[in-house]
Amino acid sequence: MVSESELRRKRAHVGCLSIGSTVTAVIILMDDVGSGVGAALLRVGLILGAFWLALPTRDRPAAWARVSPWSVGLLVAFALLLPRVKPVIPVLIIGVLIGWIVRPRNRNGP
């Protein structure tokens, strides 16, 4: 198990790397908008920022601490099947909206 002080230190490092990458990307992209290095640094900075948000703090566990293996399996299966399912997604969205609109209402209250 990782100690609380080590978790805080790692979270601070990830946050600093995220800010540093994003600021460097903005500086590079202000000079040369078509820079591949600037675009890559911006993407890395945004991803590190997302990781920083997901890391545990003193008050809450890591964002992935309560994720079930079934959820991960379904997410991986969806990602693998997404190219084949893309044409069906609008139909699914329309079906969900229709189902939401015609669902039975609660007669007892608002």
Protein backbone atom coordinates (compact mmCIF):
# COMPACT_ATOMS: atom_id res chain seq x y z
CA MET A 1 0.00 0.00 0.00
CA VAL A 2 1.21 3.46 -0.87
CA SER A 3 1.46 6.00 1.93
CA GLU A 4 -0.60 9.18 1.97
CA SER A 5 2.43 11.46 1.61
CA GLU A 6 3.66 9.51 -1.42
CA LEU A 7 0.23 9.77 -3.06
CA ARG A 8 0.19 13.53 -2.47
CA ARG A 9 3.69 13.85 -3.93
CA LYS A 10 2.78 11.81 -7.03
CA ARG A 11 -0.41 13.79 -7.52
CA ALA A 12 1.54 17.05 -7.29
CA HIS A 13 4.08 15.78 -9.85
CA VAL A 14 1.34 14.83 -12.30
CA GLY A 15 -0.31 18.22 -11.83
CA CYS A 16 2.96 20.08 -12.42
CA LEU A 17 3.71 18.02 -15.53
CA SER A 18 0.20 18.72 -16.83
CA ILE A 19 0.50 22.46 -16.32
CA GLY A 20 4.03 22.52 -17.72
CA SER A 21 3.07 20.59 -20.85
CA THR A 22 -0.01 22.71 -21.47
CA VAL A 23 1.78 26.03 -20.96
CA THR A 24 4.67 24.93 -23.19
CA ALA A 25 2.20 23.85 -25.86
CA VAL A 26 0.41 27.19 -25.76
CA ILE A 27 3.73 29.05 -26.09
CA ILE A 28 4.78 26.87 -29.03
CA LEU A 29 1.38 27.11 -30.72
CA MET A 30 1.31 30.91 -30.36
CA ASP A 31 4.47 31.05 -32.47
CA ASP A 32 3.73 28.23 -34.94
CA VAL A 33 0.10 27.11 -35.14
CA GLY A 34 0.93 24.11 -37.32
CA SER A 35 3.53 22.71 -34.92
CA GLY A 36 3.26 18.98 -34.33
CA VAL A 37 5.29 19.26 -31.13
CA GLY A 38 2.90 21.89 -29.74
CA ALA A 39 -0.12 19.76 -30.60
CA ALA A 40 1.45 16.70 -28.98
CA LEU A 41 2.34 18.64 -25.82
CA LEU A 42 -1.20 19.99 -25.61
CA ARG A 43 -2.66 16.48 -25.83
CA VAL A 44 -0.22 15.16 -23.23
CA GLY A 45 -1.03 18.06 -20.92
CA LEU A 46 -4.77 17.46 -21.20
CA ILE A 47 -4.40 13.72 -20.58
CA LEU A 48 -2.17 14.32 -17.57
CA GLY A 49 -4.77 16.78 -16.28
CA ALA A 50 -7.41 14.07 -16.54
CA PHE A 51 -5.12 11.65 -14.69
CA TRP A 52 -4.52 14.30 -12.03
CA LEU A 53 -8.29 14.57 -11.49
CA ALA A 54 -8.59 10.77 -11.24
CA LEU A 55 -5.81 10.28 -8.69
CA PRO A 56 -6.82 9.70 -5.07
CA THR A 57 -6.89 12.47 -2.50
CA ARG A 58 -7.12 12.46 1.25
CA ASP A 59 -10.91 12.65 1.11
CA ARG A 60 -11.71 10.19 -1.67
CA PRO A 61 -10.21 7.04 -3.20
CA ALA A 62 -8.98 6.82 -6.77
CA ALA A 63 -11.61 7.31 -9.44
CA TRP A 64 -11.20 3.73 -10.65
CA ALA A 65 -11.37 2.17 -7.16
CA ARG A 66 -15.08 1.34 -7.45
CA VAL A 67 -15.17 0.32 -11.11
CA SER A 68 -16.34 -3.25 -11.59
CA PRO A 69 -14.59 -5.69 -13.94
CA TRP A 70 -17.89 -6.01 -15.84
CA SER A 71 -17.86 -2.29 -16.60
CA VAL A 72 -14.32 -2.47 -17.92
CA GLY A 73 -15.17 -5.52 -20.04
CA LEU A 74 -18.24 -3.83 -21.52
CA LEU A 75 -16.24 -0.67 -22.25
CA VAL A 76 -13.52 -2.66 -24.04
CA ALA A 77 -16.11 -4.63 -26.01
CA PHE A 78 -17.89 -1.41 -27.01
CA ALA A 79 -14.59 0.17 -28.10
CA LEU A 80 -13.77 -2.86 -30.23
CA LEU A 81 -17.24 -3.01 -31.78
CA LEU A 82 -17.68 0.75 -32.26
CA PRO A 83 -16.75 0.82 -35.97
CA ARG A 84 -19.43 -1.78 -36.72
CA VAL A 85 -22.03 -0.19 -34.44
CA LYS A 86 -21.60 3.45 -35.55
CA PRO A 87 -24.44 3.38 -38.12
CA VAL A 88 -26.84 2.03 -35.47
CA ILE A 89 -26.05 4.64 -32.78
CA PRO A 90 -28.48 7.33 -34.13
CA VAL A 91 -31.26 4.72 -34.23
CA LEU A 92 -30.48 3.74 -30.62
CA ILE A 93 -30.52 7.38 -29.50
CA ILE A 94 -33.85 7.99 -31.21
CA GLY A 95 -35.26 4.82 -29.63
CA VAL A 96 -34.13 5.90 -26.16
CA LEU A 97 -35.66 9.35 -26.65
CA ILE A 98 -38.97 7.87 -27.83
CA GLY A 99 -38.96 5.46 -24.90
CA TRP A 100 -38.27 8.32 -22.49
CA ILE A 101 -41.09 10.41 -23.95
CA VAL A 102 -43.76 7.66 -23.92
CA ARG A 103 -42.81 6.15 -20.56
CA PRO A 104 -45.55 5.99 -17.92
CA ARG A 105 -45.65 9.06 -15.71
CA ASN A 106 -45.93 9.04 -11.93
CA ARG A 107 -49.61 9.88 -11.29
CA ASN A 108 -49.14 10.61 -7.55
CA GLY A 109 -46.79 13.55 -7.80
CA PRO A 110 -45.08 15.97 -10.14
